[in-house]
Structure formats: C-alpha cells, structure tokens
Amino acid sequence: SGNVVVAWTQDSADSVGHTEVRFRRIAATDGELGEAVLATDIVRSSAPLPRPAVSHIGRAGDFVIAWSDFGSLVARRYTSGGLPLARAAVPAASEVTESLD
C-alpha cells in the first residue's frame, strides 16, 4: 500500500550509556506519522552501533527491524500496525553466514 517504516538510533534520555533503537510508520495516503516506537534499549559499547535496518515481509505489510548488539545480529518482526509478532531473535552464526552467501 506504499506505507513506509523508518528506524533510527538515539541516546536514551533515561540512562547514561544506553542507546535506543526506535521506528516510526508513515502512511502513504496522507504522510501521517505514527508514534515513535521503542524496539529495544542497548547498553552502549566502545564499538560504533550500526544503523538499524528495516525489511518488508510478505503482502500484509509486516516488517522486520534488525540491529547489532555487541556484535550479534538481532531482529524483531512486527505487524503492519507496528505490534511485535515475536521476541527479538538472535540467529545462530551458521544462519547469518548462510544468509550472507
């Protein structure tokens, strides 16, 4: 339907040393912005945190947000309405290697 999801990281307002991964849905019809949703809160390490990635899943408008947490790839699935479908999942190293080949 042309809707868009954007994701970003920002420093946590509540605690020092934490970074939040957030996302917001944008409607294609009128550009109306949804509320910013917290996907996760990460303890910041000395390594730079890569930008989170968003990918569309299927035809219903569901999506997945993926981010890195201490060198591990983490992802969480959401409905088109922005509700979580599952807890964050860390794929096994073999799954990550296979998907990159």
N, C-alpha and C. Protein backbone atom coordinates (compact mmCIF):
# COMPACT_ATOMS: atom_id res chain seq x y z
N SER A 1 0.81 -1.21 0.00
CA SER A 1 0.00 0.00 0.00
C SER A 1 0.85 1.26 0.00
N GLY A 2 2.17 1.13 0.02
CA GLY A 2 3.05 2.28 -0.07
C GLY A 2 3.44 2.89 1.26
N ASN A 3 2.99 2.32 2.37
CA ASN A 3 3.40 2.84 3.68
C ASN A 3 4.89 2.61 3.88
N VAL A 4 5.50 3.39 4.74
CA VAL A 4 6.94 3.34 4.96
C VAL A 4 7.22 3.19 6.45
N VAL A 5 8.30 2.50 6.77
CA VAL A 5 8.79 2.40 8.14
C VAL A 5 10.22 2.92 8.14
N VAL A 6 10.53 3.81 9.07
CA VAL A 6 11.90 4.30 9.24
C VAL A 6 12.37 3.90 10.63
N ALA A 7 13.66 3.58 10.75
CA ALA A 7 14.24 3.19 12.03
C ALA A 7 15.51 3.99 12.26
N TRP A 8 15.82 4.24 13.53
CA TRP A 8 16.99 5.02 13.87
C TRP A 8 17.45 4.67 15.28
N THR A 9 18.64 5.14 15.64
CA THR A 9 19.14 5.01 17.00
C THR A 9 19.23 6.40 17.61
N GLN A 10 19.06 6.45 18.92
CA GLN A 10 19.21 7.72 19.63
C GLN A 10 19.65 7.41 21.05
N ASP A 11 20.35 8.38 21.66
CA ASP A 11 20.75 8.21 23.05
C ASP A 11 19.52 8.14 23.93
N SER A 12 19.55 7.25 24.90
CA SER A 12 18.44 7.10 25.83
C SER A 12 18.37 8.32 26.74
N ALA A 13 17.18 8.87 26.90
CA ALA A 13 17.00 10.03 27.77
C ALA A 13 17.02 9.64 29.25
N ASP A 14 16.73 8.36 29.53
CA ASP A 14 16.61 7.91 30.91
C ASP A 14 17.91 7.48 31.56
N SER A 15 18.86 6.98 30.76
CA SER A 15 20.07 6.46 31.38
C SER A 15 21.29 6.75 30.51
N VAL A 16 22.39 6.99 31.19
CA VAL A 16 23.65 7.25 30.51
C VAL A 16 24.24 5.91 30.06
N GLY A 17 24.78 5.89 28.86
CA GLY A 17 25.41 4.68 28.35
C GLY A 17 24.46 3.73 27.64
N HIS A 18 23.24 4.18 27.37
CA HIS A 18 22.28 3.35 26.65
C HIS A 18 21.88 4.02 25.34
N THR A 19 21.63 3.20 24.34
CA THR A 19 21.14 3.67 23.05
C THR A 19 19.82 2.97 22.76
N GLU A 20 18.86 3.70 22.22
CA GLU A 20 17.57 3.13 21.88
C GLU A 20 17.49 2.91 20.37
N VAL A 21 16.86 1.82 19.97
CA VAL A 21 16.50 1.59 18.57
C VAL A 21 15.01 1.86 18.49
N ARG A 22 14.62 2.83 17.67
CA ARG A 22 13.22 3.24 17.54
C ARG A 22 12.79 3.16 16.08
N PHE A 23 11.48 3.09 15.86
CA PHE A 23 10.96 3.14 14.50
C PHE A 23 9.65 3.93 14.49
N ARG A 24 9.29 4.39 13.30
CA ARG A 24 8.03 5.14 13.10
C ARG A 24 7.46 4.74 11.75
N ARG A 25 6.16 4.52 11.72
CA ARG A 25 5.44 4.21 10.48
C ARG A 25 4.93 5.51 9.87
N ILE A 26 4.98 5.61 8.53
CA ILE A 26 4.49 6.78 7.81
C ILE A 26 3.49 6.30 6.77
N ALA A 27 2.27 6.83 6.82
CA ALA A 27 1.21 6.42 5.90
C ALA A 27 1.44 7.04 4.52
N ALA A 28 1.24 6.22 3.49
CA ALA A 28 1.44 6.68 2.11
C ALA A 28 0.33 7.63 1.67
N THR A 29 -0.88 7.43 2.18
CA THR A 29 -2.02 8.20 1.71
C THR A 29 -1.96 9.67 2.09
N ASP A 30 -1.55 9.94 3.33
CA ASP A 30 -1.55 11.34 3.77
C ASP A 30 -0.25 11.77 4.44
N GLY A 31 0.74 10.89 4.48
CA GLY A 31 2.01 11.22 5.11
C GLY A 31 1.93 11.33 6.62
N GLU A 32 0.81 10.89 7.20
CA GLU A 32 0.62 10.95 8.64
C GLU A 32 1.67 10.10 9.34
N LEU A 33 2.32 10.69 10.35
CA LEU A 33 3.33 9.97 11.11
C LEU A 33 2.70 9.20 12.25
N GLY A 34 3.12 7.95 12.41
CA GLY A 34 2.72 7.19 13.58
C GLY A 34 3.58 7.60 14.76
N GLU A 35 3.29 7.06 15.90
CA GLU A 35 4.10 7.33 17.09
C GLU A 35 5.46 6.65 16.95
N ALA A 36 6.49 7.26 17.51
CA ALA A 36 7.80 6.61 17.57
C ALA A 36 7.70 5.46 18.57
N VAL A 37 8.15 4.27 18.16
CA VAL A 37 8.04 3.06 18.98
C VAL A 37 9.44 2.59 19.35
N LEU A 38 9.62 2.24 20.61
CA LEU A 38 10.89 1.71 21.09
C LEU A 38 10.98 0.23 20.74
N ALA A 39 11.97 -0.16 19.93
CA ALA A 39 12.17 -1.57 19.59
C ALA A 39 13.04 -2.24 20.65
N THR A 40 14.09 -1.55 21.11
CA THR A 40 14.98 -2.10 22.13
C THR A 40 15.84 -1.00 22.72
N ASP A 41 16.42 -1.30 23.85
CA ASP A 41 17.37 -0.41 24.54
C ASP A 41 18.67 -1.20 24.66
N ILE A 42 19.76 -0.65 24.16
CA ILE A 42 21.04 -1.35 24.12
C ILE A 42 22.05 -0.62 24.99
N VAL A 43 22.82 -1.39 25.77
CA VAL A 43 23.93 -0.81 26.52
C VAL A 43 25.01 -0.48 25.51
N ARG A 44 25.43 0.77 25.49
CA ARG A 44 26.41 1.23 24.52
C ARG A 44 27.79 0.65 24.85
N SER A 45 28.49 0.17 23.83
CA SER A 45 29.86 -0.31 23.99
C SER A 45 30.79 0.68 23.31
N SER A 46 32.07 0.36 23.29
CA SER A 46 33.03 1.26 22.65
C SER A 46 32.93 1.20 21.13
N ALA A 47 32.37 0.11 20.59
CA ALA A 47 32.23 -0.02 19.14
C ALA A 47 31.05 0.81 18.65
N PRO A 48 31.16 1.41 17.47
CA PRO A 48 30.03 2.17 16.94
C PRO A 48 28.84 1.26 16.64
N LEU A 49 27.65 1.76 16.89
CA LEU A 49 26.44 0.99 16.65
C LEU A 49 25.96 1.25 15.23
N PRO A 50 25.91 0.20 14.37
CA PRO A 50 25.43 0.42 13.02
C PRO A 50 23.95 0.80 13.01
N ARG A 51 23.53 1.47 11.99
CA ARG A 51 22.13 1.87 11.85
C ARG A 51 21.24 0.64 11.75
N PRO A 52 20.08 0.68 12.36
CA PRO A 52 19.16 -0.45 12.21
C PRO A 52 18.63 -0.52 10.78
N ALA A 53 18.24 -1.72 10.35
CA ALA A 53 17.71 -1.93 9.01
C ALA A 53 16.27 -2.38 9.11
N VAL A 54 15.46 -2.00 8.12
CA VAL A 54 14.05 -2.39 8.06
C VAL A 54 13.82 -3.14 6.76
N SER A 55 13.06 -4.24 6.85
CA SER A 55 12.74 -5.00 5.65
C SER A 55 11.27 -5.39 5.68
N HIS A 56 10.63 -5.31 4.53
CA HIS A 56 9.24 -5.71 4.35
C HIS A 56 9.14 -7.23 4.34
N ILE A 57 8.06 -7.78 4.92
CA ILE A 57 7.84 -9.23 4.91
C ILE A 57 6.45 -9.51 4.36
N GLY A 58 6.35 -10.28 3.31
CA GLY A 58 5.06 -10.73 2.80
C GLY A 58 4.22 -9.61 2.22
N ARG A 59 2.92 -9.89 2.07
CA ARG A 59 2.00 -8.95 1.42
C ARG A 59 1.17 -8.14 2.39
N ALA A 60 1.14 -8.52 3.65
CA ALA A 60 0.24 -7.87 4.61
C ALA A 60 0.83 -6.59 5.20
N GLY A 61 2.06 -6.24 4.83
CA GLY A 61 2.67 -5.02 5.35
C GLY A 61 3.49 -5.25 6.60
N ASP A 62 3.67 -6.52 7.02
CA ASP A 62 4.52 -6.81 8.17
C ASP A 62 5.95 -6.43 7.82
N PHE A 63 6.76 -6.22 8.85
CA PHE A 63 8.15 -5.84 8.61
C PHE A 63 9.02 -6.37 9.73
N VAL A 64 10.33 -6.33 9.50
CA VAL A 64 11.31 -6.76 10.50
C VAL A 64 12.32 -5.64 10.65
N ILE A 65 12.76 -5.42 11.89
CA ILE A 65 13.83 -4.47 12.17
C ILE A 65 15.01 -5.27 12.69
N ALA A 66 16.18 -5.04 12.12
CA ALA A 66 17.39 -5.75 12.54
C ALA A 66 18.42 -4.74 13.02
N TRP A 67 19.17 -5.11 14.04
CA TRP A 67 20.22 -4.24 14.57
C TRP A 67 21.33 -5.11 15.13
N SER A 68 22.44 -4.49 15.46
CA SER A 68 23.58 -5.20 16.02
C SER A 68 23.68 -4.86 17.50
N ASP A 69 23.91 -5.87 18.31
CA ASP A 69 24.06 -5.69 19.76
C ASP A 69 25.28 -6.48 20.20
N PHE A 70 26.36 -5.77 20.52
CA PHE A 70 27.63 -6.40 20.91
C PHE A 70 28.10 -7.42 19.89
N GLY A 71 27.99 -7.08 18.62
CA GLY A 71 28.48 -7.92 17.55
C GLY A 71 27.52 -9.00 17.09
N SER A 72 26.39 -9.15 17.75
CA SER A 72 25.39 -10.14 17.35
C SER A 72 24.30 -9.47 16.54
N LEU A 73 23.82 -10.15 15.53
CA LEU A 73 22.71 -9.65 14.73
C LEU A 73 21.42 -10.01 15.45
N VAL A 74 20.56 -9.02 15.68
CA VAL A 74 19.29 -9.23 16.38
C VAL A 74 18.18 -8.69 15.50
N ALA A 75 17.02 -9.36 15.50
CA ALA A 75 15.89 -8.92 14.68
C ALA A 75 14.58 -9.15 15.41
N ARG A 76 13.60 -8.31 15.11
CA ARG A 76 12.26 -8.47 15.68
C ARG A 76 11.24 -8.20 14.59
N ARG A 77 10.22 -9.08 14.50
CA ARG A 77 9.16 -8.93 13.50
C ARG A 77 8.00 -8.13 14.08
N TYR A 78 7.35 -7.34 13.20
CA TYR A 78 6.21 -6.50 13.59
C TYR A 78 5.09 -6.65 12.58
N THR A 79 3.86 -6.43 13.04
CA THR A 79 2.71 -6.38 12.12
C THR A 79 2.75 -5.05 11.38
N SER A 80 1.91 -4.92 10.37
CA SER A 80 1.84 -3.66 9.63
C SER A 80 1.39 -2.52 10.53
N GLY A 81 0.72 -2.83 11.63
CA GLY A 81 0.28 -1.82 12.59
C GLY A 81 1.34 -1.47 13.62
N GLY A 82 2.52 -2.11 13.55
CA GLY A 82 3.61 -1.80 14.47
C GLY A 82 3.63 -2.60 15.75
N LEU A 83 2.82 -3.66 15.83
CA LEU A 83 2.80 -4.51 17.03
C LEU A 83 3.81 -5.64 16.86
N PRO A 84 4.57 -5.97 17.92
CA PRO A 84 5.56 -7.05 17.79
C PRO A 84 4.89 -8.39 17.55
N LEU A 85 5.46 -9.17 16.63
CA LEU A 85 4.98 -10.52 16.34
C LEU A 85 5.73 -11.56 17.16
N ALA A 86 6.94 -11.24 17.58
CA ALA A 86 7.76 -12.19 18.32
C ALA A 86 8.81 -11.43 19.11
N ARG A 87 9.39 -12.12 20.08
CA ARG A 87 10.51 -11.52 20.83
C ARG A 87 11.70 -11.38 19.90
N ALA A 88 12.65 -10.54 20.30
CA ALA A 88 13.87 -10.39 19.50
C ALA A 88 14.56 -11.74 19.39
N ALA A 89 15.05 -12.04 18.22
CA ALA A 89 15.70 -13.33 17.98
C ALA A 89 17.12 -13.11 17.49
N VAL A 90 18.04 -13.86 18.06
CA VAL A 90 19.42 -13.81 17.62
C VAL A 90 19.67 -15.07 16.81
N PRO A 91 19.92 -14.94 15.50
CA PRO A 91 20.16 -16.13 14.69
C PRO A 91 21.50 -16.76 15.04
N ALA A 92 21.60 -18.06 14.82
CA ALA A 92 22.86 -18.77 15.03
C ALA A 92 23.88 -18.27 14.00
N ALA A 93 25.15 -18.39 14.32
CA ALA A 93 26.21 -17.92 13.41
C ALA A 93 26.08 -18.58 12.05
N SER A 94 25.69 -19.86 11.99
CA SER A 94 25.56 -20.54 10.71
C SER A 94 24.46 -19.94 9.87
N GLU A 95 23.36 -19.47 10.51
CA GLU A 95 22.26 -18.84 9.77
C GLU A 95 22.70 -17.52 9.17
N VAL A 96 23.48 -16.74 9.92
CA VAL A 96 23.97 -15.46 9.42
C VAL A 96 24.91 -15.70 8.24
N THR A 97 25.82 -16.66 8.37
CA THR A 97 26.77 -16.96 7.30
C THR A 97 26.03 -17.42 6.05
N GLU A 98 25.03 -18.27 6.22
CA GLU A 98 24.29 -18.77 5.07
C GLU A 98 23.54 -17.66 4.36
N SER A 99 22.96 -16.73 5.13
CA SER A 99 22.17 -15.67 4.51
C SER A 99 23.04 -14.65 3.79
N LEU A 100 24.31 -14.56 4.17
CA LEU A 100 25.20 -13.61 3.52
C LEU A 100 25.86 -14.19 2.27
N ASP A 101 25.80 -15.50 2.10
CA ASP A 101 26.42 -16.12 0.93
C ASP A 101 25.63 -15.89 -0.33
